[in-house]
Amino acid sequence: YRTIIFFNKINQKKIQSLKNLKIKLVKTCLSRDGNLDLENILVKIRLLGFSRVFLETGLNLTTNFLNKDLVDDFKLFISSKKLGRNGNNSFKQNMKLFLNGKKLTNEKTNLFGDRLITYKLK
């Protein structure tokens, strides 16, 4: 499988659509705080034979991983396109807490004005 999705809420239509796309789905439990149990998910990922994980997440899941100290390297993609009123939440404000004072590297990329920054967290 190239893509594995961990989920908790059952939506048969979505599940079937993802299975048709050859995406591996793994039902998982919730933690005490009502979010996905990230430690349990990482154990399952390890049991599947993976030692590295690439996450594309939104603000809430990113914050949960950072709060639980489960991130070694953090890649921040910054688009040159401004979302304006089309964006939700302020990622920048929320990430200042975690990224302030961390070693960063501006990656050399061919992103046509977009930026990629790597932060070493551990």
C-alpha atoms as a PDB file:
ATOM      1  CA  TYR A   1       0.000   0.000   0.000  1.00  0.00           C
ATOM      2  CA  ARG A   2       1.192   3.501  -0.753  1.00  0.00           C
ATOM      3  CA  THR A   3      -1.373   5.177   1.494  1.00  0.00           C
ATOM      4  CA  ILE A   4      -2.677   4.062   4.875  1.00  0.00           C
ATOM      5  CA  ILE A   5      -5.502   5.917   6.606  1.00  0.00           C
ATOM      6  CA  PHE A   6      -6.324   5.425  10.274  1.00  0.00           C
ATOM      7  CA  PHE A   7      -9.913   6.186  11.216  1.00  0.00           C
ATOM      8  CA  ASN A   8     -12.450   5.800  13.991  1.00  0.00           C
ATOM      9  CA  LYS A   9     -15.805   6.915  12.612  1.00  0.00           C
ATOM     10  CA  ILE A  10     -17.474   4.488  10.216  1.00  0.00           C
ATOM     11  CA  ASN A  11     -18.780   5.914   6.952  1.00  0.00           C
ATOM     12  CA  GLN A  12     -19.397   2.954   4.634  1.00  0.00           C
ATOM     13  CA  LYS A  13     -19.585   5.070   1.476  1.00  0.00           C
ATOM     14  CA  LYS A  14     -16.206   6.713   2.192  1.00  0.00           C
ATOM     15  CA  ILE A  15     -14.656   3.406   3.246  1.00  0.00           C
ATOM     16  CA  GLN A  16     -15.716   1.722   0.008  1.00  0.00           C
ATOM     17  CA  SER A  17     -14.473   4.647  -2.102  1.00  0.00           C
ATOM     18  CA  LEU A  18     -11.058   4.541  -0.409  1.00  0.00           C
ATOM     19  CA  LYS A  19     -10.838   0.746  -0.742  1.00  0.00           C
ATOM     20  CA  ASN A  20     -11.584   1.095  -4.458  1.00  0.00           C
ATOM     21  CA  LEU A  21      -8.548   3.405  -4.665  1.00  0.00           C
ATOM     22  CA  LYS A  22      -6.393   0.635  -3.068  1.00  0.00           C
ATOM     23  CA  ILE A  23      -5.932   2.617   0.157  1.00  0.00           C
ATOM     24  CA  LYS A  24      -5.333   0.568   3.294  1.00  0.00           C
ATOM     25  CA  LEU A  25      -7.739   1.484   6.074  1.00  0.00           C
ATOM     26  CA  VAL A  26      -7.085   0.730   9.741  1.00  0.00           C
ATOM     27  CA  LYS A  27      -9.788   1.283  12.353  1.00  0.00           C
ATOM     28  CA  THR A  28      -8.279   2.514  15.584  1.00  0.00           C
ATOM     29  CA  CYS A  29      -9.397   3.501  19.052  1.00  0.00           C
ATOM     30  CA  LEU A  30      -9.687   6.948  20.566  1.00  0.00           C
ATOM     31  CA  SER A  31      -7.587   8.241  23.431  1.00  0.00           C
ATOM     32  CA  ARG A  32      -9.031   9.518  26.707  1.00  0.00           C
ATOM     33  CA  ASP A  33      -9.249  13.029  25.257  1.00  0.00           C
ATOM     34  CA  GLY A  34     -11.475  11.807  22.397  1.00  0.00           C
ATOM     35  CA  ASN A  35      -8.817  12.111  19.674  1.00  0.00           C
ATOM     36  CA  LEU A  36      -7.142   9.345  17.711  1.00  0.00           C
ATOM     37  CA  ASP A  37      -4.770   7.393  19.960  1.00  0.00           C
ATOM     38  CA  LEU A  38      -1.542   8.503  18.280  1.00  0.00           C
ATOM     39  CA  GLU A  39       0.787   6.273  20.286  1.00  0.00           C
ATOM     40  CA  ASN A  40      -1.347   3.240  19.387  1.00  0.00           C
ATOM     41  CA  ILE A  41      -1.325   4.259  15.722  1.00  0.00           C
ATOM     42  CA  LEU A  42       2.467   4.558  15.712  1.00  0.00           C
ATOM     43  CA  VAL A  43       2.745   1.055  17.216  1.00  0.00           C
ATOM     44  CA  LYS A  44       0.468  -0.287  14.461  1.00  0.00           C
ATOM     45  CA  ILE A  45       2.559   1.492  11.827  1.00  0.00           C
ATOM     46  CA  ARG A  46       5.705  -0.109  13.248  1.00  0.00           C
ATOM     47  CA  LEU A  47       4.026  -3.535  13.159  1.00  0.00           C
ATOM     48  CA  LEU A  48       3.267  -2.931   9.472  1.00  0.00           C
ATOM     49  CA  GLY A  49       7.040  -2.654   8.969  1.00  0.00           C
ATOM     50  CA  PHE A  50       7.475   1.095   8.764  1.00  0.00           C
ATOM     51  CA  SER A  51       9.960   3.099  10.819  1.00  0.00           C
ATOM     52  CA  ARG A  52       9.349   6.520   9.250  1.00  0.00           C
ATOM     53  CA  VAL A  53       6.066   8.328   8.806  1.00  0.00           C
ATOM     54  CA  PHE A  54       5.173  11.284   6.598  1.00  0.00           C
ATOM     55  CA  LEU A  55       2.058  13.106   7.771  1.00  0.00           C
ATOM     56  CA  GLU A  56       0.023  15.618   5.822  1.00  0.00           C
ATOM     57  CA  THR A  57      -2.224  17.042   8.482  1.00  0.00           C
ATOM     58  CA  GLY A  58      -4.200  20.047   9.476  1.00  0.00           C
ATOM     59  CA  LEU A  59      -3.786  22.222  12.518  1.00  0.00           C
ATOM     60  CA  ASN A  60      -5.486  19.942  15.073  1.00  0.00           C
ATOM     61  CA  LEU A  61      -3.656  16.712  14.258  1.00  0.00           C
ATOM     62  CA  THR A  62      -0.336  18.548  13.906  1.00  0.00           C
ATOM     63  CA  THR A  63      -0.866  20.118  17.334  1.00  0.00           C
ATOM     64  CA  ASN A  64      -1.740  16.727  18.847  1.00  0.00           C
ATOM     65  CA  PHE A  65       1.465  15.133  17.513  1.00  0.00           C
ATOM     66  CA  LEU A  66       3.559  18.068  18.735  1.00  0.00           C
ATOM     67  CA  ASN A  67       1.890  18.142  22.169  1.00  0.00           C
ATOM     68  CA  LYS A  68       2.694  14.454  22.632  1.00  0.00           C
ATOM     69  CA  ASP A  69       6.318  15.018  21.545  1.00  0.00           C
ATOM     70  CA  LEU A  70       5.956  12.540  18.655  1.00  0.00           C
ATOM     71  CA  VAL A  71       7.700  14.627  15.966  1.00  0.00           C
ATOM     72  CA  ASP A  72      11.433  14.518  15.201  1.00  0.00           C
ATOM     73  CA  ASP A  73      11.549  16.653  12.042  1.00  0.00           C
ATOM     74  CA  PHE A  74       8.872  19.122  11.019  1.00  0.00           C
ATOM     75  CA  LYS A  75       8.562  20.264   7.388  1.00  0.00           C
ATOM     76  CA  LEU A  76       6.595  23.460   6.915  1.00  0.00           C
ATOM     77  CA  PHE A  77       5.360  24.268   3.416  1.00  0.00           C
ATOM     78  CA  ILE A  78       4.481  27.925   2.902  1.00  0.00           C
ATOM     79  CA  SER A  79       2.515  28.751  -0.213  1.00  0.00           C
ATOM     80  CA  SER A  80       2.990  32.051  -1.998  1.00  0.00           C
ATOM     81  CA  LYS A  81      -0.779  32.067  -2.542  1.00  0.00           C
ATOM     82  CA  LYS A  82      -2.609  33.908   0.239  1.00  0.00           C
ATOM     83  CA  LEU A  83      -5.811  32.198   1.380  1.00  0.00           C
ATOM     84  CA  GLY A  84      -7.256  35.372   2.842  1.00  0.00           C
ATOM     85  CA  ARG A  85     -10.764  34.712   4.062  1.00  0.00           C
ATOM     86  CA  ASN A  86     -10.761  31.223   2.540  1.00  0.00           C
ATOM     87  CA  GLY A  87      -8.412  29.822   5.233  1.00  0.00           C
ATOM     88  CA  ASN A  88      -9.410  28.582   8.668  1.00  0.00           C
ATOM     89  CA  ASN A  89      -7.460  29.099  11.898  1.00  0.00           C
ATOM     90  CA  SER A  90      -4.051  30.692  12.059  1.00  0.00           C
ATOM     91  CA  PHE A  91      -1.464  27.979  11.659  1.00  0.00           C
ATOM     92  CA  LYS A  92       1.350  30.491  12.087  1.00  0.00           C
ATOM     93  CA  GLN A  93       0.144  31.721  15.476  1.00  0.00           C
ATOM     94  CA  ASN A  94      -0.491  28.211  16.775  1.00  0.00           C
ATOM     95  CA  MET A  95       2.915  26.891  15.667  1.00  0.00           C
ATOM     96  CA  LYS A  96       4.945  29.711  17.263  1.00  0.00           C
ATOM     97  CA  LEU A  97       4.718  27.863  20.592  1.00  0.00           C
ATOM     98  CA  PHE A  98       6.376  24.737  19.179  1.00  0.00           C
ATOM     99  CA  LEU A  99       8.765  26.156  16.597  1.00  0.00           C
ATOM    100  CA  ASN A 100      10.148  29.214  18.397  1.00  0.00           C
ATOM    101  CA  GLY A 101      13.874  28.756  18.989  1.00  0.00           C
ATOM    102  CA  LYS A 102      14.126  25.489  17.027  1.00  0.00           C
ATOM    103  CA  LYS A 103      16.875  24.979  14.466  1.00  0.00           C
ATOM    104  CA  LEU A 104      15.493  25.611  10.992  1.00  0.00           C
ATOM    105  CA  THR A 105      16.737  25.113   7.456  1.00  0.00           C
ATOM    106  CA  ASN A 106      15.287  26.779   4.378  1.00  0.00           C
ATOM    107  CA  GLU A 107      15.279  23.941   1.841  1.00  0.00           C
ATOM    108  CA  LYS A 108      16.510  24.609  -1.679  1.00  0.00           C
ATOM    109  CA  THR A 109      13.527  23.711  -3.816  1.00  0.00           C
ATOM    110  CA  ASN A 110      12.000  24.555  -7.150  1.00  0.00           C
ATOM    111  CA  LEU A 111       8.610  25.632  -5.808  1.00  0.00           C
ATOM    112  CA  PHE A 112       8.006  28.789  -7.875  1.00  0.00           C
ATOM    113  CA  GLY A 113       7.831  31.208  -4.955  1.00  0.00           C
ATOM    114  CA  ASP A 114       6.614  28.712  -2.365  1.00  0.00           C
ATOM    115  CA  ARG A 115       8.884  27.810   0.558  1.00  0.00           C
ATOM    116  CA  LEU A 116       9.801  24.652   2.424  1.00  0.00           C
ATOM    117  CA  ILE A 117      11.343  24.964   5.892  1.00  0.00           C
ATOM    118  CA  THR A 118      12.635  22.056   7.980  1.00  0.00           C
ATOM    119  CA  TYR A 119      12.663  22.308  11.773  1.00  0.00           C
ATOM    120  CA  LYS A 120      14.706  19.859  13.866  1.00  0.00           C
ATOM    121  CA  LEU A 121      12.651  19.177  16.987  1.00  0.00           C
ATOM    122  CA  LYS A 122      14.721  16.310  18.456  1.00  0.00           C
END
